[in-house]
Structures are given as structure tokens and as C-alpha cells.
Amino acid sequence: MGSFSIWHWLIVLVVVIAIFGTKKLRNVGSDLGAAVKGFKDGVKDGTTSEDAAKPPQQVTAGKVNDPNTVDVDAKTKS
């Protein structure tokens, strides 16, 4: 039960083509290739940009004294 010979792989290929058809296998292959290419581009773009690694900063409009706003650090239960 060692490695498979070329005849085993040819039989497997014929069965797969008979089940799925050549058009379906071609579509799956092209989709897989596009996914791998997109992944490689995403990894390449993500590592070269230092700005993408920084999280966006929170922007506040200034100190607003709204009576409905509760500051959880300042309010303690006694």
C-alpha cells in the first residue's frame, strides 16, 4: 500500500471529470487561482504600509457637559 502509480491517478482523474465535468473543474480552478492571487496581494499590501497598522484615532468635538452622559470612571457606588 505504498505510493500510487500513474494508473491510479489516471483513474481518479477520470472519475472526478465524470462526476464534476470539465467546465465545473475549470471554474473551480480559476476561482481558486484568483483567491490565492488576492490573498498574496493583500498580504503584500498589508506589510508594506505602516499607516495601515495604526488604528484610527478617536475624534472628539470638545468637552460637552450633557447631564445624560455618565462617566463610569468618576461614578462610584457607595
Protein backbone atom coordinates (compact mmCIF):
# COMPACT_ATOMS: atom_id res chain seq x y z
CA MET A 1 0.00 0.00 0.00
CA GLY A 2 2.82 2.36 -0.89
CA SER A 3 2.66 5.22 -3.34
CA PHE A 4 0.11 5.28 -6.10
CA SER A 5 1.16 4.61 -9.67
CA ILE A 6 0.26 6.73 -12.67
CA TRP A 7 -2.66 4.38 -13.45
CA HIS A 8 -4.25 5.02 -10.07
CA TRP A 9 -4.05 8.80 -10.61
CA LEU A 10 -5.49 8.50 -14.14
CA ILE A 11 -8.46 6.51 -12.82
CA VAL A 12 -9.05 9.10 -10.09
CA LEU A 13 -8.86 11.89 -12.69
CA VAL A 14 -11.39 10.14 -14.97
CA VAL A 15 -13.80 9.63 -12.06
CA VAL A 16 -13.50 13.27 -10.95
CA ILE A 17 -14.09 14.51 -14.51
CA ALA A 18 -17.07 12.18 -14.87
CA ILE A 19 -18.64 13.45 -11.63
CA PHE A 20 -17.97 17.19 -11.90
CA GLY A 21 -17.38 17.82 -15.60
CA THR A 22 -14.61 19.86 -17.18
CA LYS A 23 -16.43 23.21 -17.09
CA LYS A 24 -17.07 23.00 -13.35
CA LEU A 25 -13.44 21.99 -12.67
CA ARG A 26 -12.18 24.88 -14.83
CA ASN A 27 -14.34 27.35 -12.88
CA VAL A 28 -13.16 25.97 -9.55
CA GLY A 29 -9.54 26.22 -10.69
CA SER A 30 -9.86 29.81 -11.85
CA ASP A 31 -11.71 30.81 -8.66
CA LEU A 32 -9.01 29.19 -6.54
CA GLY A 33 -6.27 30.94 -8.52
CA ALA A 34 -7.99 34.32 -8.14
CA ALA A 35 -8.38 33.75 -4.39
CA VAL A 36 -4.71 32.90 -3.97
CA LYS A 37 -3.67 35.94 -6.02
CA GLY A 38 -5.95 38.20 -3.98
CA PHE A 39 -4.57 36.80 -0.75
CA LYS A 40 -0.96 37.37 -1.86
CA ASP A 41 -1.77 40.94 -2.92
CA GLY A 42 -3.48 41.59 0.40
CA VAL A 43 -0.55 40.27 2.39
CA LYS A 44 1.91 42.26 0.29
CA ASP A 45 -0.09 45.49 0.67
CA GLY A 46 -0.61 44.95 4.40
CA THR A 47 3.07 44.54 5.25
CA THR A 48 4.43 47.48 3.27
CA SER A 49 2.12 50.18 4.60
CA GLU A 50 2.90 51.39 8.11
CA ASP A 51 -0.19 53.60 8.22
CA ALA A 52 -2.49 50.61 7.82
CA ALA A 53 -1.11 49.06 11.03
CA LYS A 54 -2.06 52.08 13.16
CA PRO A 55 -5.61 52.12 14.48
CA PRO A 56 -7.66 55.22 13.70
CA GLN A 57 -7.70 57.85 16.44
CA GLN A 58 -10.93 58.82 18.18
CA VAL A 59 -12.08 62.33 17.31
CA THR A 60 -14.00 64.34 19.89
CA ALA A 61 -15.75 67.63 19.30
CA GLY A 62 -14.64 69.01 22.65
CA LYS A 63 -15.85 68.66 26.20
CA VAL A 64 -19.63 68.53 26.29
CA ASN A 65 -21.45 68.73 29.62
CA ASP A 66 -24.50 66.64 28.89
CA PRO A 67 -26.48 65.69 32.04
CA ASN A 68 -27.48 62.37 30.46
CA THR A 69 -23.86 61.26 29.93
CA VAL A 70 -22.32 59.17 32.72
CA ASP A 71 -18.58 58.93 33.16
CA VAL A 72 -18.07 55.44 34.53
CA ASP A 73 -14.64 56.23 35.95
CA ALA A 74 -15.95 59.14 38.00
CA LYS A 75 -19.11 57.48 39.32
CA THR A 76 -18.58 55.05 42.18
CA LYS A 77 -21.10 53.02 44.08
CA SER A 78 -21.14 53.82 47.81
